[in-house]
Protein backbone atom coordinates (compact mmCIF):
# COMPACT_ATOMS: atom_id res chain seq x y z
CA MET A 1 85.39 -50.01 54.49
CA THR A 2 87.50 -52.29 52.32
CA THR A 3 85.69 -55.58 52.81
CA GLU A 4 85.88 -57.77 49.75
CA SER A 5 84.42 -61.25 49.19
CA VAL A 6 84.85 -64.03 46.66
CA LEU A 7 81.40 -64.02 45.16
CA ARG A 8 79.33 -67.13 44.54
CA ASP A 9 77.45 -67.76 41.33
CA ASN A 10 74.10 -67.80 43.16
CA TYR A 11 72.57 -66.52 46.40
CA ASP A 12 69.25 -66.81 48.11
CA VAL A 13 69.10 -63.03 48.48
CA ILE A 14 71.03 -60.15 46.94
CA VAL A 15 70.70 -56.75 48.65
CA ILE A 16 71.56 -53.70 46.56
CA GLY A 17 72.83 -50.81 48.64
CA SER A 18 73.98 -50.59 52.25
CA GLY A 19 71.84 -47.89 53.81
CA LEU A 20 70.39 -48.87 57.17
CA ALA A 21 67.43 -50.61 55.53
CA GLY A 22 69.72 -52.65 53.28
CA LEU A 23 72.11 -53.51 56.10
CA THR A 24 69.25 -54.62 58.33
CA THR A 25 67.66 -56.73 55.60
CA ALA A 26 70.97 -58.45 54.86
CA ASN A 27 71.60 -59.17 58.54
CA ILE A 28 68.15 -60.62 59.23
CA MET A 29 68.23 -62.78 56.12
CA ALA A 30 71.67 -64.15 57.00
CA ARG A 31 70.59 -64.84 60.58
CA SER A 32 67.75 -66.96 59.23
CA GLY A 33 70.23 -69.14 57.36
CA LYS A 34 69.94 -67.62 53.90
CA SER A 35 72.95 -67.02 51.67
CA VAL A 36 73.22 -63.25 51.23
CA LEU A 37 75.23 -60.90 49.03
CA LEU A 38 75.33 -57.21 49.95
CA ALA A 39 76.46 -55.10 46.99
CA GLU A 40 77.51 -51.49 47.65
CA GLN A 41 78.66 -49.09 44.92
CA HIS A 42 80.55 -46.84 47.38
CA PHE A 43 83.74 -47.67 49.31
CA GLN A 44 81.90 -47.30 52.65
CA LEU A 45 78.86 -48.94 54.11
CA GLY A 46 75.97 -46.97 55.58
CA GLY A 47 74.47 -44.85 52.79
CA LEU A 48 73.74 -41.47 54.37
CA ALA A 49 74.31 -43.00 57.80
CA THR A 50 78.07 -42.92 57.44
CA CYS A 51 81.04 -40.64 58.09
CA PHE A 52 84.02 -39.06 56.37
CA ARG A 53 87.46 -38.03 57.57
CA ARG A 54 89.65 -35.03 56.82
CA LYS A 55 93.23 -34.06 57.61
CA GLY A 56 93.93 -32.94 61.14
CA GLY A 57 92.03 -35.78 62.76
CA HIS A 58 88.58 -34.53 61.79
CA ILE A 59 85.69 -36.96 61.46
CA PHE A 60 82.13 -36.01 60.56
CA ASP A 61 78.84 -37.90 60.48
CA VAL A 62 77.21 -37.29 57.09
CA SER A 63 73.74 -37.74 58.54
CA LEU A 64 72.86 -35.42 61.40
CA HIS A 65 72.12 -37.23 64.63
CA GLY A 66 68.64 -37.59 66.13
CA PHE A 67 66.10 -40.42 66.15
CA PRO A 68 63.31 -41.77 68.42
CA VAL A 69 63.82 -44.11 71.37
CA GLY A 70 62.41 -47.02 69.33
CA MET A 71 65.85 -47.33 67.74
CA ILE A 72 67.10 -48.99 70.95
CA LYS A 73 64.59 -51.83 70.73
CA SER A 74 65.08 -52.32 66.99
CA CYS A 75 68.88 -52.44 67.26
CA ARG A 76 68.81 -54.79 70.24
CA ARG A 77 66.46 -57.20 68.49
CA TYR A 78 67.78 -57.10 64.93
CA TRP A 79 71.43 -56.19 65.47
CA SER A 80 73.11 -56.56 68.87
CA LYS A 81 72.95 -55.49 72.48
CA GLU A 82 76.28 -53.70 72.05
CA ILE A 83 74.86 -51.46 69.33
CA ALA A 84 71.69 -50.76 71.34
CA ASP A 85 73.72 -49.89 74.45
CA HIS A 86 75.45 -47.03 72.60
CA ILE A 87 72.17 -45.17 72.02
CA HIS A 88 71.72 -42.24 74.42
CA GLN A 89 69.29 -39.36 74.80
CA LEU A 90 69.96 -35.80 73.64
CA LYS A 91 68.45 -33.54 76.30
CA ARG A 92 69.25 -30.07 74.98
CA ILE A 93 67.05 -29.31 71.96
CA GLY A 94 66.94 -25.57 71.29
CA PHE A 95 64.84 -23.17 69.21
CA ASP A 96 65.82 -19.61 68.30
CA ASN A 97 63.62 -17.58 65.97
CA PRO A 98 61.70 -14.26 65.90
CA GLN A 99 58.70 -15.86 67.61
CA PHE A 100 60.37 -17.57 70.58
CA ARG A 101 63.58 -18.89 72.09
CA LEU A 102 63.58 -21.97 74.31
CA THR A 103 65.23 -25.28 75.21
CA THR A 104 63.38 -28.57 75.62
CA THR A 105 63.99 -32.27 76.20
CA PHE A 106 61.55 -32.84 73.31
CA ASN A 107 59.17 -35.31 74.90
CA ARG A 108 55.43 -35.21 75.57
CA ASP A 109 55.61 -34.07 79.20
CA ASP A 110 57.97 -31.19 78.46
CA PHE A 111 56.12 -30.13 75.31
CA THR A 112 52.81 -30.23 77.14
CA GLN A 113 54.10 -27.85 79.79
CA LEU A 114 55.62 -25.57 77.14
CA LEU A 115 52.37 -25.38 75.18
CA ILE A 116 50.34 -24.70 78.33
CA ASP A 117 52.68 -22.33 80.20
CA LYS A 118 54.60 -20.52 77.47
CA PHE A 119 52.13 -20.63 74.58
CA GLN A 120 48.96 -20.46 76.71
CA ILE A 121 47.19 -23.37 74.99
CA PRO A 122 44.43 -25.03 77.09
CA ALA A 123 45.52 -28.35 78.56
CA GLU A 124 42.56 -30.21 77.04
CA THR A 125 43.52 -28.96 73.56
CA VAL A 126 47.12 -30.07 74.03
CA ASP A 127 46.08 -33.53 75.21
CA ALA A 128 43.61 -33.90 72.36
CA PHE A 129 46.30 -32.99 69.83
CA PHE A 130 48.81 -35.48 71.23
CA ASP A 131 46.17 -38.22 71.35
CA LYS A 132 45.17 -37.50 67.74
CA ALA A 133 48.79 -37.66 66.54
CA ARG A 134 49.47 -40.87 68.45
CA SER A 135 46.40 -42.59 66.99
CA MET A 136 47.46 -42.03 63.38
CA SER A 137 48.55 -44.90 61.13
CA HIS A 138 49.43 -45.36 57.46
CA LEU A 139 45.91 -46.77 56.91
CA ASP A 140 44.28 -43.43 57.79
CA ASP A 141 42.69 -40.97 55.39
CA GLN A 142 45.42 -39.19 53.44
CA ASN A 143 43.34 -36.18 52.46
CA MET A 144 43.93 -34.12 55.61
CA THR A 145 47.17 -32.16 55.34
CA THR A 146 49.48 -31.31 58.21
CA LYS A 147 48.45 -27.68 57.82
CA GLU A 148 44.80 -28.64 58.24
CA LEU A 149 45.68 -30.69 61.33
CA PHE A 150 47.29 -27.67 62.95
CA GLU A 151 44.36 -25.43 61.97
CA GLN A 152 42.01 -27.86 63.70
CA PHE A 153 43.81 -27.66 67.04
CA PHE A 154 45.80 -24.41 66.91
CA PRO A 155 44.05 -21.94 64.57
CA ASN A 156 45.85 -18.66 63.98
CA ARG A 157 48.88 -19.77 66.01
CA PRO A 158 51.88 -19.75 63.64
CA ASP A 159 54.21 -19.80 66.65
CA VAL A 160 52.81 -23.15 67.79
CA VAL A 161 53.01 -24.51 64.25
CA ARG A 162 56.69 -23.56 64.14
CA LEU A 163 57.43 -25.30 67.46
CA LEU A 164 55.68 -28.48 66.36
CA MET A 165 56.77 -28.53 62.71
CA GLU A 166 60.41 -27.44 62.40
CA PRO A 167 62.00 -30.47 64.10
CA ILE A 168 59.97 -32.94 62.03
CA THR A 169 60.87 -31.15 58.80
CA TYR A 170 64.49 -31.52 59.86
CA ALA A 171 63.98 -35.19 60.70
CA ASN A 172 62.29 -36.34 57.50
CA GLY A 173 61.69 -33.47 55.10
CA SER A 174 57.92 -33.33 55.65
CA THR A 175 56.00 -30.14 54.86
CA LEU A 176 52.69 -28.53 55.78
CA GLU A 177 51.27 -29.72 52.47
CA ASP A 178 52.00 -33.42 53.12
CA PRO A 179 49.35 -35.79 54.57
CA ALA A 180 48.84 -35.20 58.30
CA LEU A 181 49.46 -38.85 59.11
CA THR A 182 53.05 -38.58 57.85
CA TYR A 183 53.59 -35.88 60.45
CA GLY A 184 51.64 -37.49 63.28
CA ILE A 185 53.40 -40.85 63.15
CA VAL A 186 56.90 -39.40 63.25
CA PHE A 187 56.02 -36.72 65.81
CA SER A 188 54.51 -39.30 68.14
CA ASN A 189 57.60 -41.50 67.87
CA PHE A 190 59.77 -38.63 69.10
CA MET A 191 57.26 -37.53 71.73
CA SER A 192 57.34 -40.90 73.49
CA LYS A 193 60.71 -40.31 75.14
CA GLY A 194 62.59 -37.63 73.20
CA VAL A 195 65.53 -37.56 70.78
CA TYR A 196 68.39 -40.05 70.83
CA THR A 197 71.76 -40.44 69.15
CA PHE A 198 74.46 -43.06 68.72
CA GLU A 199 77.35 -42.40 71.09
CA GLY A 200 80.56 -43.18 69.25
CA GLY A 201 79.48 -41.81 65.88
CA THR A 202 78.52 -43.58 62.69
CA ASP A 203 82.07 -44.85 62.26
CA LEU A 204 81.57 -47.06 65.33
CA LEU A 205 77.98 -47.93 64.41
CA ILE A 206 78.83 -49.10 60.91
CA SER A 207 81.93 -51.00 62.05
CA LEU A 208 79.83 -52.90 64.61
CA MET A 209 77.22 -53.63 61.96
CA GLU A 210 79.88 -54.87 59.58
CA GLU A 211 81.20 -57.23 62.25
CA GLU A 212 77.70 -58.58 62.79
CA LEU A 213 77.17 -59.09 59.06
CA LYS A 214 80.45 -60.99 58.76
CA LYS A 215 79.64 -63.12 61.78
CA ASN A 216 76.34 -64.11 60.19
CA GLY A 217 77.98 -64.99 56.87
CA VAL A 218 77.00 -62.09 54.62
CA ASP A 219 79.23 -61.63 51.57
CA ILE A 220 79.98 -57.91 51.19
CA ALA A 221 81.03 -56.56 47.81
CA MET A 222 82.26 -52.96 47.95
CA ARG A 223 82.73 -50.68 44.93
CA SER A 224 80.21 -52.96 43.24
CA LYS A 225 77.69 -50.98 41.26
CA VAL A 226 74.72 -53.01 40.10
CA ASP A 227 74.16 -52.51 36.37
CA ARG A 228 70.70 -54.06 36.31
CA ILE A 229 68.34 -56.43 38.05
CA GLU A 230 67.83 -59.52 35.87
CA ILE A 231 64.27 -60.66 35.10
CA GLU A 232 63.44 -64.04 33.55
CA ASN A 233 59.94 -65.39 32.95
CA LYS A 234 58.55 -62.31 34.68
CA ARG A 235 60.34 -62.97 37.96
CA VAL A 236 63.70 -62.03 39.49
CA SER A 237 66.64 -64.19 38.49
CA GLY A 238 69.62 -62.18 39.81
CA VAL A 239 71.69 -59.07 39.15
CA THR A 240 74.56 -57.97 36.96
CA ILE A 241 77.45 -56.28 38.79
CA ASN A 242 80.30 -54.77 36.81
CA GLY A 243 79.42 -57.06 33.91
CA GLN A 244 79.17 -60.23 36.02
CA THR A 245 75.71 -61.87 36.34
CA ILE A 246 74.98 -63.43 39.72
CA GLY A 247 71.85 -65.49 40.31
CA ALA A 248 69.40 -64.95 43.17
CA LYS A 249 66.00 -66.17 44.30
CA ALA A 250 65.16 -62.70 45.62
CA VAL A 251 66.61 -59.21 45.21
CA VAL A 252 66.09 -56.37 47.68
CA SER A 253 66.95 -52.90 46.41
CA ASN A 254 67.96 -50.30 48.98
CA ALA A 255 68.55 -47.86 46.13
CA ASN A 256 66.28 -44.90 45.39
CA LEU A 257 62.78 -46.23 44.61
CA LYS A 258 62.42 -44.53 41.24
CA GLY A 259 66.00 -45.37 40.33
CA THR A 260 65.30 -49.02 41.09
CA ILE A 261 62.28 -49.14 38.80
CA LEU A 262 63.52 -46.91 35.99
CA ASN A 263 67.23 -47.74 35.86
CA LEU A 264 67.80 -51.16 37.44
CA VAL A 265 64.70 -52.97 36.18
CA GLY A 266 63.31 -50.96 33.27
CA ARG A 267 59.92 -49.79 32.06
CA GLU A 268 59.47 -52.80 29.78
CA HIS A 269 59.01 -55.16 32.75
CA PHE A 270 56.02 -53.32 34.22
CA SER A 271 52.43 -52.82 33.16
CA PRO A 272 51.29 -49.32 32.10
CA ASP A 273 49.07 -48.91 35.15
CA PHE A 274 51.97 -49.56 37.53
CA PHE A 275 54.18 -47.14 35.67
CA GLU A 276 51.53 -44.46 36.01
CA LYS A 277 51.78 -44.91 39.77
CA CYS A 278 55.58 -44.81 39.60
CA ASP A 279 55.59 -41.65 37.50
CA ALA A 280 53.28 -39.98 40.02
CA VAL A 281 55.68 -40.59 42.93
CA ARG A 282 57.35 -37.36 44.00
CA LEU A 283 60.88 -37.30 45.30
CA ASN A 284 61.34 -35.77 48.71
CA ASN A 285 63.65 -32.79 49.03
CA SER A 286 67.36 -32.84 49.63
CA SER A 287 69.59 -30.67 51.82
CA THR A 288 72.84 -28.79 52.10
CA GLN A 289 75.22 -29.25 54.98
CA VAL A 290 78.23 -27.32 56.22
CA TYR A 291 80.69 -29.34 58.31
CA MET A 292 82.82 -27.31 60.73
CA GLY A 293 85.74 -28.67 62.76
CA LEU A 294 87.30 -26.63 65.54
CA LYS A 295 91.01 -26.42 66.26
CA PRO A 296 92.47 -28.60 69.03
CA GLY A 297 91.70 -27.00 72.38
CA GLU A 298 88.82 -24.90 71.03
CA SER A 299 85.22 -25.50 72.10
CA PHE A 300 81.72 -24.06 72.23
CA ASP A 301 79.37 -23.50 75.16
CA PRO A 302 76.89 -26.38 75.67
CA ASP A 303 74.56 -24.09 77.63
CA VAL A 304 74.25 -21.84 74.55
CA CYS A 305 74.46 -24.44 71.79
CA GLY A 306 72.92 -27.56 73.31
CA ASP A 307 72.80 -30.68 71.13
CA LEU A 308 70.39 -29.69 68.37
CA LEU A 309 69.50 -26.08 67.66
CA PHE A 310 66.72 -25.03 65.26
CA THR A 311 67.30 -21.46 64.14
CA SER A 312 65.51 -19.13 61.77
CA THR A 313 65.33 -15.46 60.90
CA ALA A 314 62.03 -15.87 59.03
CA PRO A 315 58.96 -14.22 60.63
CA GLU A 316 57.11 -17.56 60.64
CA PHE A 317 57.37 -21.15 59.40
CA ARG A 318 56.86 -21.52 55.62
CA THR A 319 57.80 -24.47 53.42
CA ASP A 320 58.85 -22.34 50.45
CA MET A 321 61.25 -20.35 52.63
CA LEU A 322 62.82 -23.55 53.94
CA LEU A 323 63.76 -24.56 50.39
CA SER A 324 64.88 -21.14 49.18
CA ARG A 325 68.51 -20.44 48.24
CA ASP A 326 68.05 -17.30 50.33
CA ILE A 327 68.55 -19.28 53.54
CA THR A 328 66.60 -18.20 56.61
CA SER A 329 66.53 -21.47 58.58
CA ARG A 330 69.44 -23.60 59.76
CA THR A 331 69.57 -26.61 62.05
CA TYR A 332 72.82 -26.97 63.96
CA SER A 333 74.01 -30.30 65.28
CA PHE A 334 76.73 -29.96 67.92
CA TYR A 335 79.21 -32.76 68.58
CA TYR A 336 81.14 -32.87 71.85
CA PRO A 337 84.11 -35.03 72.87
CA GLU A 338 81.71 -37.43 74.60
CA THR A 339 79.89 -37.91 71.28
CA ARG A 340 82.93 -39.92 70.20
CA PRO A 341 84.69 -41.16 73.34
CA GLY A 342 88.44 -41.03 72.86
CA HIS A 343 88.28 -37.83 70.80
CA ASP A 344 88.77 -34.37 72.29
CA ARG A 345 87.45 -32.39 69.35
CA TYR A 346 84.36 -30.22 68.92
CA TYR A 347 82.36 -30.23 65.68
CA MET A 348 79.32 -28.44 64.26
CA VAL A 349 77.15 -29.35 61.30
CA ALA A 350 74.65 -26.86 59.86
CA SER A 351 71.86 -28.32 57.74
CA THR A 352 69.33 -26.61 55.48
CA ASN A 353 66.63 -28.02 53.22
CA ALA A 354 67.38 -27.43 49.55
CA ASN A 355 66.23 -27.86 45.95
CA TYR A 356 68.37 -30.07 43.73
CA ASP A 357 67.77 -27.93 40.63
CA ASP A 358 69.21 -24.85 42.35
CA TRP A 359 72.58 -26.62 42.47
CA ALA A 360 72.55 -29.01 39.50
CA SER A 361 72.01 -26.19 36.99
CA LEU A 362 75.20 -24.35 37.96
CA THR A 363 78.42 -24.36 35.95
CA LYS A 364 81.52 -25.82 37.60
CA GLU A 365 82.73 -22.33 38.50
CA GLU A 366 79.31 -21.20 39.76
CA TYR A 367 79.00 -24.36 41.83
CA ALA A 368 82.35 -23.80 43.56
CA GLU A 369 81.49 -20.16 44.21
CA SER A 370 78.08 -21.09 45.62
CA LYS A 371 79.57 -23.67 47.98
CA ALA A 372 82.11 -21.13 49.22
CA ALA A 373 79.33 -18.58 49.72
CA LEU A 374 77.26 -21.16 51.61
CA ILE A 375 80.14 -21.73 54.02
CA GLU A 376 80.70 -18.00 54.59
CA GLU A 377 76.99 -17.33 55.15
CA THR A 378 76.83 -20.22 57.60
CA LEU A 379 79.82 -18.92 59.55
CA ASP A 380 78.19 -15.49 59.70
CA ALA A 381 75.02 -17.05 61.13
CA ALA A 382 76.91 -19.35 63.53
CA GLU A 383 78.78 -16.40 65.06
CA LYS A 384 75.70 -15.73 67.21
CA TYR A 385 76.10 -19.09 68.95
CA VAL A 386 79.87 -19.60 68.76
CA PRO A 387 81.47 -16.14 69.07
CA GLY A 388 84.77 -15.89 67.23
CA ILE A 389 84.04 -19.04 65.25
CA ARG A 390 86.37 -18.09 62.39
CA GLU A 391 89.31 -17.87 64.76
CA LYS A 392 88.35 -21.17 66.39
CA LEU A 393 87.80 -22.96 63.10
CA ASP A 394 90.27 -25.49 61.70
CA MET A 395 88.30 -26.48 58.61
CA ALA A 396 84.90 -26.15 56.95
CA GLU A 397 83.39 -28.06 54.05
CA ALA A 398 80.01 -28.01 52.33
CA ALA A 399 77.83 -30.71 50.80
CA THR A 400 74.88 -30.10 48.46
CA PRO A 401 72.15 -32.19 46.80
CA VAL A 402 74.65 -32.81 43.99
CA THR A 403 77.09 -34.23 46.56
CA PHE A 404 74.48 -36.65 47.87
CA GLU A 405 73.53 -37.71 44.35
CA ARG A 406 77.17 -38.45 43.58
CA TYR A 407 77.83 -40.62 46.63
CA THR A 408 74.48 -42.36 47.08
CA GLY A 409 73.12 -42.53 43.55
CA HIS A 410 69.79 -41.12 44.76
CA ILE A 411 67.93 -39.36 41.97
CA ALA A 412 68.17 -35.59 42.51
CA GLY A 413 70.20 -36.22 45.64
CA SER A 414 67.07 -36.88 47.68
CA SER A 415 67.92 -37.05 51.37
CA PHE A 416 64.56 -38.50 52.41
CA GLY A 417 63.52 -40.75 49.53
CA THR A 418 60.01 -40.13 48.25
CA LYS A 419 56.76 -38.56 49.34
CA PHE A 420 54.00 -40.67 50.88
CA GLU A 421 52.70 -42.15 47.63
CA GLY A 422 56.05 -43.93 47.24
CA LEU A 423 55.16 -46.35 50.02
CA GLU A 424 52.40 -48.02 48.00
CA VAL A 425 54.66 -48.39 44.95
CA SER A 426 57.50 -49.77 47.05
CA ARG A 427 55.24 -52.35 48.71
CA GLU A 428 53.63 -53.29 45.39
CA LEU A 429 56.88 -54.32 43.65
CA PRO A 430 56.87 -58.03 44.58
CA ASN A 431 53.29 -58.34 43.36
CA ARG A 432 54.38 -57.05 39.96
CA ILE A 433 57.65 -58.97 39.75
CA PRO A 434 57.92 -61.94 42.13
CA GLY A 435 61.17 -61.91 44.08
CA LEU A 436 61.74 -58.17 43.69
CA TYR A 437 61.61 -56.01 46.83
CA HIS A 438 62.46 -52.49 47.86
CA ALA A 439 63.52 -51.21 51.29
CA GLY A 440 64.48 -47.61 51.84
CA SER A 441 63.32 -44.13 52.64
CA VAL A 442 59.78 -43.93 51.29
CA GLY A 443 56.55 -42.32 52.33
CA ILE A 444 58.17 -40.06 54.94
CA ILE A 445 56.96 -42.34 57.76
CA MET A 446 59.68 -44.80 56.76
CA SER A 447 62.45 -42.20 56.61
CA GLY A 448 65.13 -41.42 59.15
CA TRP A 449 67.29 -43.98 60.89
CA LEU A 450 64.51 -45.75 62.78
CA GLY A 451 62.19 -45.82 59.76
CA ALA A 452 64.94 -47.26 57.57
CA VAL A 453 65.82 -50.02 60.03
CA ASN A 454 62.18 -50.95 60.60
CA TYR A 455 61.41 -51.01 56.89
CA GLY A 456 64.32 -53.40 56.48
CA VAL A 457 62.68 -55.61 59.11
CA ILE A 458 59.30 -55.54 57.34
CA VAL A 459 60.80 -56.40 53.97
CA SER A 460 62.93 -59.18 55.48
CA ASN A 461 59.79 -60.88 56.75
CA ASP A 462 58.24 -60.61 53.29
CA VAL A 463 61.31 -62.08 51.61
CA ASP A 464 61.50 -64.90 54.13
CA ALA A 465 57.88 -65.84 53.43
CA TYR A 466 58.49 -65.72 49.67
CA LEU A 467 61.56 -67.98 49.88
CA PHE A 468 59.67 -70.43 52.11
CA ASP A 469 56.95 -70.72 49.47
CA GLN A 470 59.58 -71.43 46.80
CA GLU A 471 61.01 -74.42 48.66
């Protein structure tokens, strides 16, 4: 993206960061007639929902594809019918681990039959579990963990836990130790009608979103890093970008929650009790990814690979093993020519959960060696699903938590924002500093593409009400 705008001195709303929550907030605000500036520190829009290109015609989505059917409704209502019409279902979701190997469409009907027929769980137990998960909301008791939820319905069944847990960990970084409601809400969203993706890739998605933003009058400032959010008389007054102060009635940060509070606003503008809450917010984990592009004319077998493939060599599902540098679990996302109509290339992306400190503490030489080793280990593992992959391969590249920190500015390269307690802090911001809002990946239930878009919608309504009261 190279969009540049002549900036005004003042706006109704300034949005910091162009992840899906920030993009959605900017679009809704502009549609309602507000003057909006969208400031993005990178040279591309989209945050983690974006793409990158490499020589040889290769193009990769940074964020692996897969979100619930609700994305169709949200995009149609808050973006455009054209964007919504590009969302299609992924029907080949595979699992391969020491406990089982199977393929599913990943919806309630199919999972119910799997749990009853393959895993021999009584039908009434399966129905009770699904009903319990579907009834959960963010207002529920947070004391029950996801592990305790599984023990209630499926005691001593680590194989069932793995089937139910691995895809959600991939989708939003949740663990067995997190509140059960953060699992239940996301799981139920997927179980309604399965897993969906955007046909055409994030390059098409973001270009269509940019067109919509322009049409609605949003000023887009690329390569524009916000130095600080300006506070006057205990309320928002604007932002400073590259040394230039621009006024605003409201500011919405789509940056990392803790980064917004600590770096863009500053401790001095908050009461001690609020900062205690902020300090207690835990960042969610990050990930590593290996992007693999095949040579022209080379392909892989869709009957073997499917669309998404959850693999592991670990005896059973364990959170600590997911985060270990000794990788046992990989999620493969397979991209076919129809994923991006007009392209005839095949791509694979392997994703693993990761700890930021394992990568940030390395020297420059150690870091390069570790990335190279990550690629080689991934190719070794991928050989099982794409025989002869090294001969078929045209290029491979790795990204780590340090990579994500560099390009997004997220503290510790967090791929999924914060843990659940971040939601309360995020929602509390405008009560502490009028005119200041946050929209992003917080509380797990607001993570992922659908969560980000919908949080942008929620915050837009809040901002609109605030501006109305100021008139």
